[in-house]
PDB file of N, CA and C in Angstrom:
ATOM      1  N   MET A   1      87.277  81.898 132.870  1.00  0.00           N
ATOM      2  CA  MET A   1      88.659  81.633 132.558  1.00  0.00           C
ATOM      3  C   MET A   1      88.872  81.320 131.096  1.00  0.00           C
ATOM      4  N   GLY A   2      87.818  81.231 130.315  1.00  0.00           N
ATOM      5  CA  GLY A   2      87.943  80.877 128.913  1.00  0.00           C
ATOM      6  C   GLY A   2      88.430  82.016 128.031  1.00  0.00           C
ATOM      7  N   ASN A   3      88.387  83.267 128.504  1.00  0.00           N
ATOM      8  CA  ASN A   3      88.800  84.417 127.708  1.00  0.00           C
ATOM      9  C   ASN A   3      90.160  84.952 128.109  1.00  0.00           C
ATOM     10  N   LEU A   4      91.036  84.100 128.572  1.00  0.00           N
ATOM     11  CA  LEU A   4      92.371  84.519 128.975  1.00  0.00           C
ATOM     12  C   LEU A   4      93.203  84.832 127.733  1.00  0.00           C
ATOM     13  N   VAL A   5      93.663  86.082 127.621  1.00  0.00           N
ATOM     14  CA  VAL A   5      94.473  86.509 126.483  1.00  0.00           C
ATOM     15  C   VAL A   5      95.902  86.708 126.974  1.00  0.00           C
ATOM     16  N   THR A   6      96.811  85.975 126.374  1.00  0.00           N
ATOM     17  CA  THR A   6      98.209  86.118 126.766  1.00  0.00           C
ATOM     18  C   THR A   6      98.831  87.283 126.017  1.00  0.00           C
ATOM     19  N   GLU A   7      99.956  87.767 126.520  1.00  0.00           N
ATOM     20  CA  GLU A   7     100.685  88.860 125.867  1.00  0.00           C
ATOM     21  C   GLU A   7     101.064  88.464 124.447  1.00  0.00           C
ATOM     22  N   GLY A   8     101.492  87.225 124.267  1.00  0.00           N
ATOM     23  CA  GLY A   8     101.874  86.751 122.934  1.00  0.00           C
ATOM     24  C   GLY A   8     100.713  86.747 121.956  1.00  0.00           C
ATOM     25  N   ASN A   9      99.542  86.280 122.430  1.00  0.00           N
ATOM     26  CA  ASN A   9      98.348  86.282 121.572  1.00  0.00           C
ATOM     27  C   ASN A   9      97.917  87.699 121.233  1.00  0.00           C
ATOM     28  N   ALA A  10      97.956  88.584 122.208  1.00  0.00           N
ATOM     29  CA  ALA A  10      97.569  89.979 121.983  1.00  0.00           C
ATOM     30  C   ALA A  10      98.536  90.640 120.997  1.00  0.00           C
ATOM     31  N   LEU A  11      99.812  90.358 121.139  1.00  0.00           N
ATOM     32  CA  LEU A  11     100.822  90.912 120.238  1.00  0.00           C
ATOM     33  C   LEU A  11     100.567  90.422 118.811  1.00  0.00           C
ATOM     34  N   PHE A  12     100.307  89.127 118.664  1.00  0.00           N
ATOM     35  CA  PHE A  12     100.031  88.547 117.351  1.00  0.00           C
ATOM     36  C   PHE A  12      98.801  89.196 116.724  1.00  0.00           C
ATOM     37  N   LYS A  13      97.731  89.322 117.485  1.00  0.00           N
ATOM     38  CA  LYS A  13      96.486  89.919 116.979  1.00  0.00           C
ATOM     39  C   LYS A  13      96.702  91.377 116.579  1.00  0.00           C
ATOM     40  N   PHE A  14      97.466  92.105 117.386  1.00  0.00           N
ATOM     41  CA  PHE A  14      97.742  93.506 117.084  1.00  0.00           C
ATOM     42  C   PHE A  14      98.486  93.622 115.761  1.00  0.00           C
ATOM     43  N   ILE A  15      99.537  92.844 115.598  1.00  0.00           N
ATOM     44  CA  ILE A  15     100.356  92.917 114.385  1.00  0.00           C
ATOM     45  C   ILE A  15      99.546  92.495 113.160  1.00  0.00           C
ATOM     46  N   GLU A  16      98.738  91.452 113.302  1.00  0.00           N
ATOM     47  CA  GLU A  16      97.933  90.975 112.181  1.00  0.00           C
ATOM     48  C   GLU A  16      96.907  92.012 111.725  1.00  0.00           C
ATOM     49  N   GLY A  17      96.492  92.897 112.616  1.00  0.00           N
ATOM     50  CA  GLY A  17      95.497  93.904 112.270  1.00  0.00           C
ATOM     51  C   GLY A  17      96.064  95.160 111.628  1.00  0.00           C
ATOM     52  N   LEU A  18      97.378  95.244 111.483  1.00  0.00           N
ATOM     53  CA  LEU A  18      98.002  96.434 110.909  1.00  0.00           C
ATOM     54  C   LEU A  18      97.944  96.421 109.391  1.00  0.00           C
ATOM     55  N   LYS A  19      98.076  97.614 108.796  1.00  0.00           N
ATOM     56  CA  LYS A  19      98.196  97.716 107.341  1.00  0.00           C
ATOM     57  C   LYS A  19      99.471  96.999 106.924  1.00  0.00           C
ATOM     58  N   PRO A  20      99.490  96.405 105.726  1.00  0.00           N
ATOM     59  CA  PRO A  20     100.658  95.605 105.311  1.00  0.00           C
ATOM     60  C   PRO A  20     102.006  96.320 105.409  1.00  0.00           C
ATOM     61  N   ALA A  21     102.092  97.569 104.981  1.00  0.00           N
ATOM     62  CA  ALA A  21     103.373  98.290 105.029  1.00  0.00           C
ATOM     63  C   ALA A  21     103.822  98.505 106.467  1.00  0.00           C
ATOM     64  N   ILE A  22     102.888  98.839 107.331  1.00  0.00           N
ATOM     65  CA  ILE A  22     103.219  99.064 108.741  1.00  0.00           C
ATOM     66  C   ILE A  22     103.528  97.735 109.411  1.00  0.00           C
ATOM     67  N   ARG A  23     102.775  96.692 109.073  1.00  0.00           N
ATOM     68  CA  ARG A  23     103.017  95.364 109.639  1.00  0.00           C
ATOM     69  C   ARG A  23     104.455  94.914 109.354  1.00  0.00           C
ATOM     70  N   LYS A  24     104.907  95.141 108.119  1.00  0.00           N
ATOM     71  CA  LYS A  24     106.266  94.745 107.744  1.00  0.00           C
ATOM     72  C   LYS A  24     107.295  95.455 108.625  1.00  0.00           C
ATOM     73  N   ASP A  25     107.121  96.767 108.802  1.00  0.00           N
ATOM     74  CA  ASP A  25     108.051  97.524 109.633  1.00  0.00           C
ATOM     75  C   ASP A  25     108.024  97.054 111.082  1.00  0.00           C
ATOM     76  N   VAL A  26     106.838  96.758 111.591  1.00  0.00           N
ATOM     77  CA  VAL A  26     106.717  96.289 112.975  1.00  0.00           C
ATOM     78  C   VAL A  26     107.388  94.929 113.129  1.00  0.00           C
ATOM     79  N   LEU A  27     107.170  94.047 112.185  1.00  0.00           N
ATOM     80  CA  LEU A  27     107.808  92.729 112.260  1.00  0.00           C
ATOM     81  C   LEU A  27     109.332  92.839 112.203  1.00  0.00           C
ATOM     82  N   LEU A  28     109.834  93.775 111.394  1.00  0.00           N
ATOM     83  CA  LEU A  28     111.287  93.977 111.317  1.00  0.00           C
ATOM     84  C   LEU A  28     111.860  94.483 112.645  1.00  0.00           C
ATOM     85  N   ALA A  29     111.030  95.204 113.409  1.00  0.00           N
ATOM     86  CA  ALA A  29     111.469  95.716 114.710  1.00  0.00           C
ATOM     87  C   ALA A  29     111.519  94.621 115.771  1.00  0.00           C
ATOM     88  N   GLN A  30     110.908  93.481 115.505  1.00  0.00           N
ATOM     89  CA  GLN A  30     110.875  92.334 116.421  1.00  0.00           C
ATOM     90  C   GLN A  30     110.433  92.711 117.840  1.00  0.00           C
ATOM     91  N   PRO A  31     109.222  93.281 117.954  1.00  0.00           N
ATOM     92  CA  PRO A  31     108.747  93.668 119.287  1.00  0.00           C
ATOM     93  C   PRO A  31     108.444  92.443 120.141  1.00  0.00           C
ATOM     94  N   THR A  32     108.646  92.583 121.433  1.00  0.00           N
ATOM     95  CA  THR A  32     108.334  91.489 122.358  1.00  0.00           C
ATOM     96  C   THR A  32     107.135  91.817 123.245  1.00  0.00           C
ATOM     97  N   THR A  33     106.704  93.083 123.209  1.00  0.00           N
ATOM     98  CA  THR A  33     105.537  93.496 123.983  1.00  0.00           C
ATOM     99  C   THR A  33     104.610  94.319 123.098  1.00  0.00           C
ATOM    100  N   ILE A  34     103.380  94.461 123.549  1.00  0.00           N
ATOM    101  CA  ILE A  34     102.411  95.295 122.831  1.00  0.00           C
ATOM    102  C   ILE A  34     102.925  96.726 122.748  1.00  0.00           C
ATOM    103  N   THR A  35     103.511  97.219 123.825  1.00  0.00           N
ATOM    104  CA  THR A  35     104.023  98.591 123.846  1.00  0.00           C
ATOM    105  C   THR A  35     105.100  98.777 122.790  1.00  0.00           C
ATOM    106  N   ASP A  36     106.021  97.818 122.674  1.00  0.00           N
ATOM    107  CA  ASP A  36     107.060  97.891 121.646  1.00  0.00           C
ATOM    108  C   ASP A  36     106.440  97.901 120.253  1.00  0.00           C
ATOM    109  N   ALA A  37     105.437  97.061 120.045  1.00  0.00           N
ATOM    110  CA  ALA A  37     104.776  96.976 118.749  1.00  0.00           C
ATOM    111  C   ALA A  37     104.048  98.276 118.419  1.00  0.00           C
ATOM    112  N   GLU A  38     103.385  98.860 119.416  1.00  0.00           N
ATOM    113  CA  GLU A  38     102.683 100.124 119.201  1.00  0.00           C
ATOM    114  C   GLU A  38     103.656 101.232 118.826  1.00  0.00           C
ATOM    115  N   MET A  39     104.781 101.283 119.521  1.00  0.00           N
ATOM    116  CA  MET A  39     105.789 102.312 119.225  1.00  0.00           C
ATOM    117  C   MET A  39     106.361 102.124 117.820  1.00  0.00           C
ATOM    118  N   ALA A  40     106.628 100.881 117.441  1.00  0.00           N
ATOM    119  CA  ALA A  40     107.155 100.600 116.101  1.00  0.00           C
ATOM    120  C   ALA A  40     106.119 100.968 115.038  1.00  0.00           C
ATOM    121  N   ALA A  41     104.850 100.691 115.304  1.00  0.00           N
ATOM    122  CA  ALA A  41     103.787 101.028 114.357  1.00  0.00           C
ATOM    123  C   ALA A  41     103.653 102.541 114.202  1.00  0.00           C
ATOM    124  N   GLU A  42     103.748 103.259 115.297  1.00  0.00           N
ATOM    125  CA  GLU A  42     103.672 104.723 115.233  1.00  0.00           C
ATOM    126  C   GLU A  42     104.839 105.296 114.445  1.00  0.00           C
ATOM    127  N   ARG A  43     106.060 104.785 114.696  1.00  0.00           N
ATOM    128  CA  ARG A  43     107.233 105.251 113.939  1.00  0.00           C
ATOM    129  C   ARG A  43     107.061 104.985 112.455  1.00  0.00           C
ATOM    130  N   SER A  44     106.564 103.809 112.128  1.00  0.00           N
ATOM    131  CA  SER A  44     106.359 103.441 110.735  1.00  0.00           C
ATOM    132  C   SER A  44     105.321 104.339 110.078  1.00  0.00           C
ATOM    133  N   GLU A  45     104.237 104.592 110.788  1.00  0.00           N
ATOM    134  CA  GLU A  45     103.172 105.421 110.237  1.00  0.00           C
ATOM    135  C   GLU A  45     103.671 106.844 109.979  1.00  0.00           C
ATOM    136  N   VAL A  46     104.425 107.385 110.911  1.00  0.00           N
ATOM    137  CA  VAL A  46     104.975 108.735 110.741  1.00  0.00           C
ATOM    138  C   VAL A  46     105.938 108.758 109.559  1.00  0.00           C
ATOM    139  N   ALA A  47     106.811 107.757 109.472  1.00  0.00           N
ATOM    140  CA  ALA A  47     107.775 107.703 108.374  1.00  0.00           C
ATOM    141  C   ALA A  47     107.072 107.551 107.033  1.00  0.00           C
ATOM    142  N   ASN A  48     106.084 106.676 106.947  1.00  0.00           N
ATOM    143  CA  ASN A  48     105.355 106.477 105.697  1.00  0.00           C
ATOM    144  C   ASN A  48     104.596 107.731 105.291  1.00  0.00           C
ATOM    145  N   PHE A  49     104.012 108.431 106.251  1.00  0.00           N
ATOM    146  CA  PHE A  49     103.303 109.669 105.950  1.00  0.00           C
ATOM    147  C   PHE A  49     104.273 110.727 105.456  1.00  0.00           C
ATOM    148  N   TYR A  50     105.424 110.832 106.100  1.00  0.00           N
ATOM    149  CA  TYR A  50     106.425 111.827 105.720  1.00  0.00           C
ATOM    150  C   TYR A  50     106.900 111.576 104.290  1.00  0.00           C
ATOM    151  N   VAL A  51     107.212 110.324 103.978  1.00  0.00           N
ATOM    152  CA  VAL A  51     107.694 109.975 102.642  1.00  0.00           C
ATOM    153  C   VAL A  51     106.621 110.249 101.600  1.00  0.00           C
ATOM    154  N   SER A  52     105.388 109.829 101.862  1.00  0.00           N
ATOM    155  CA  SER A  52     104.327 110.019 100.865  1.00  0.00           C
ATOM    156  C   SER A  52     103.994 111.495 100.682  1.00  0.00           C
ATOM    157  N   SER A  53     104.025 112.286 101.752  1.00  0.00           N
ATOM    158  CA  SER A  53     103.720 113.711 101.608  1.00  0.00           C
ATOM    159  C   SER A  53     104.837 114.419 100.862  1.00  0.00           C
ATOM    160  N   LYS A  54     106.086 114.014 101.085  1.00  0.00           N
ATOM    161  CA  LYS A  54     107.210 114.591 100.342  1.00  0.00           C
ATOM    162  C   LYS A  54     107.108 114.225  98.869  1.00  0.00           C
ATOM    163  N   ALA A  55     106.742 112.983  98.579  1.00  0.00           N
ATOM    164  CA  ALA A  55     106.617 112.533  97.190  1.00  0.00           C
ATOM    165  C   ALA A  55     105.507 113.320  96.488  1.00  0.00           C
ATOM    166  N   ARG A  56     104.384 113.524  97.168  1.00  0.00           N
ATOM    167  CA  ARG A  56     103.292 114.310  96.563  1.00  0.00           C
ATOM    168  C   ARG A  56     103.746 115.725  96.291  1.00  0.00           C
ATOM    169  N   HIS A  57     104.491 116.297  97.231  1.00  0.00           N
ATOM    170  CA  HIS A  57     104.971 117.666  97.081  1.00  0.00           C
ATOM    171  C   HIS A  57     105.931 117.770  95.903  1.00  0.00           C
ATOM    172  N   LEU A  58     106.838 116.818  95.774  1.00  0.00           N
ATOM    173  CA  LEU A  58     107.836 116.875  94.707  1.00  0.00           C
ATOM    174  C   LEU A  58     107.239 116.621  93.328  1.00  0.00           C
ATOM    175  N   THR A  59     106.215 115.788  93.245  1.00  0.00           N
ATOM    176  CA  THR A  59     105.648 115.480  91.934  1.00  0.00           C
ATOM    177  C   THR A  59     104.908 116.671  91.340  1.00  0.00           C
ATOM    178  N   ARG A  60     104.578 117.654  92.144  1.00  0.00           N
ATOM    179  CA  ARG A  60     103.933 118.847  91.594  1.00  0.00           C
ATOM    180  C   ARG A  60     104.870 119.585  90.648  1.00  0.00           C
ATOM    181  N   PHE A  61     106.173 119.410  90.824  1.00  0.00           N
ATOM    182  CA  PHE A  61     107.141 120.141  90.028  1.00  0.00           C
ATOM    183  C   PHE A  61     107.647 119.358  88.815  1.00  0.00           C
ATOM    184  N   LEU A  62     107.230 118.124  88.678  1.00  0.00           N
ATOM    185  CA  LEU A  62     107.639 117.328  87.525  1.00  0.00           C
ATOM    186  C   LEU A  62     106.792 117.714  86.308  1.00  0.00           C
ATOM    187  N   PRO A  63     107.403 117.687  85.126  1.00  0.00           N
ATOM    188  CA  PRO A  63     106.600 117.993  83.943  1.00  0.00           C
ATOM    189  C   PRO A  63     105.548 116.908  83.721  1.00  0.00           C
ATOM    190  N   ARG A  64     104.404 117.320  83.305  1.00  0.00           N
ATOM    191  CA  ARG A  64     103.337 116.359  83.046  1.00  0.00           C
ATOM    192  C   ARG A  64     103.647 115.613  81.754  1.00  0.00           C
ATOM    193  N   GLN A  65     103.504 114.315  81.812  1.00  0.00           N
ATOM    194  CA  GLN A  65     103.763 113.505  80.634  1.00  0.00           C
ATOM    195  C   GLN A  65     102.515 113.434  79.771  1.00  0.00           C
ATOM    196  N   GLN A  66     102.729 113.617  78.492  1.00  0.00           N
ATOM    197  CA  GLN A  66     101.631 113.483  77.548  1.00  0.00           C
ATOM    198  C   GLN A  66     101.440 112.009  77.234  1.00  0.00           C
ATOM    199  N   PRO A  67     100.218 111.582  76.979  1.00  0.00           N
ATOM    200  CA  PRO A  67     100.007 110.182  76.617  1.00  0.00           C
ATOM    201  C   PRO A  67     100.778 109.861  75.341  1.00  0.00           C
ATOM    202  N   ARG A  68     101.363 108.692  75.307  1.00  0.00           N
ATOM    203  CA  ARG A  68     102.134 108.283  74.137  1.00  0.00           C
ATOM    204  C   ARG A  68     101.208 108.022  72.956  1.00  0.00           C
ATOM    205  N   GLN A  69     101.646 108.501  71.825  1.00  0.00           N
ATOM    206  CA  GLN A  69     100.949 108.200  70.582  1.00  0.00           C
ATOM    207  C   GLN A  69     101.664 107.009  69.959  1.00  0.00           C
ATOM    208  N   HIS A  70     100.943 105.983  69.651  1.00  0.00           N
ATOM    209  CA  HIS A  70     101.535 104.784  69.067  1.00  0.00           C
ATOM    210  C   HIS A  70     101.638 104.956  67.558  1.00  0.00           C
ATOM    211  N   ASP A  71     102.861 105.123  67.110  1.00  0.00           N
ATOM    212  CA  ASP A  71     103.124 105.287  65.682  1.00  0.00           C
ATOM    213  C   ASP A  71     103.927 104.082  65.222  1.00  0.00           C
ATOM    214  N   ASN A  72     103.279 103.167  64.579  1.00  0.00           N
ATOM    215  CA  ASN A  72     103.936 101.943  64.118  1.00  0.00           C
ATOM    216  C   ASN A  72     104.456 102.056  62.699  1.00  0.00           C
ATOM    217  N   SER A  73     104.455 103.258  62.125  1.00  0.00           N
ATOM    218  CA  SER A  73     104.830 103.396  60.723  1.00  0.00           C
ATOM    219  C   SER A  73     106.303 103.099  60.479  1.00  0.00           C
ATOM    220  N   GLY A  74     107.177 103.312  61.445  1.00  0.00           N
ATOM    221  CA  GLY A  74     108.598 103.091  61.230  1.00  0.00           C
ATOM    222  C   GLY A  74     109.078 101.726  61.681  1.00  0.00           C
ATOM    223  N   ILE A  75     108.199 100.884  62.172  1.00  0.00           N
ATOM    224  CA  ILE A  75     108.600  99.576  62.684  1.00  0.00           C
ATOM    225  C   ILE A  75     108.589  98.559  61.551  1.00  0.00           C
ATOM    226  N   VAL A  76     109.688  97.839  61.435  1.00  0.00           N
ATOM    227  CA  VAL A  76     109.793  96.802  60.417  1.00  0.00           C
ATOM    228  C   VAL A  76     109.922  95.468  61.140  1.00  0.00           C
ATOM    229  N   PRO A  77     109.065  94.489  60.829  1.00  0.00           N
ATOM    230  CA  PRO A  77     109.159  93.200  61.498  1.00  0.00           C
ATOM    231  C   PRO A  77     110.459  92.477  61.140  1.00  0.00           C
ATOM    232  N   MET A  78     110.977  91.735  62.099  1.00  0.00           N
ATOM    233  CA  MET A  78     112.202  90.979  61.883  1.00  0.00           C
ATOM    234  C   MET A  78     111.904  89.750  61.033  1.00  0.00           C
ATOM    235  N   GLU A  79     112.807  89.451  60.114  1.00  0.00           N
ATOM    236  CA  GLU A  79     112.670  88.251  59.282  1.00  0.00           C
ATOM    237  C   GLU A  79     113.183  87.060  60.076  1.00  0.00           C
ATOM    238  N   LEU A  80     112.297  86.191  60.499  1.00  0.00           N
ATOM    239  CA  LEU A  80     112.691  85.041  61.319  1.00  0.00           C
ATOM    240  C   LEU A  80     113.407  83.978  60.505  1.00  0.00           C
ATOM    241  N   GLY A  81     113.217  83.950  59.185  1.00  0.00           N
ATOM    242  CA  GLY A  81     113.869  82.961  58.353  1.00  0.00           C
ATOM    243  C   GLY A  81     115.375  83.186  58.249  1.00  0.00           C
ATOM    244  N   ILE A  82     115.849  84.385  58.602  1.00  0.00           N
ATOM    245  CA  ILE A  82     117.276  84.696  58.512  1.00  0.00           C
ATOM    246  C   ILE A  82     118.041  84.118  59.699  1.00  0.00           C
ATOM    247  N   VAL A  83     117.392  83.946  60.837  1.00  0.00           N
ATOM    248  CA  VAL A  83     118.040  83.465  62.044  1.00  0.00           C
ATOM    249  C   VAL A  83     118.428  81.999  61.854  1.00  0.00           C
ATOM    250  N   SER A  84     119.711  81.697  62.117  1.00  0.00           N
ATOM    251  CA  SER A  84     120.151  80.307  62.020  1.00  0.00           C
ATOM    252  C   SER A  84     120.418  79.760  63.398  1.00  0.00           C
ATOM    253  N   THR A  85     120.205  78.482  63.574  1.00  0.00           N
ATOM    254  CA  THR A  85     120.426  77.877  64.883  1.00  0.00           C
ATOM    255  C   THR A  85     121.577  76.926  64.878  1.00  0.00           C
TER     256      THR A  85
END
């Protein structure tokens, strides 16, 4: 009788074992059973995969950014003695 797992404990353990992004979505769904939590986790996983795959697909068409060259030749430091308080 020492290994009795309640629905609430099982639900808590299930949610705690999820990836952070999926855990957040599951908690927002406020599941009351393991089945509800599993369904919410599956929906979240599908949605996150869809969004990330779309983002990867779209970034292929963005122009590649060149690394910035730091040119400090035109920068003039501000004279702090001019500022009045």
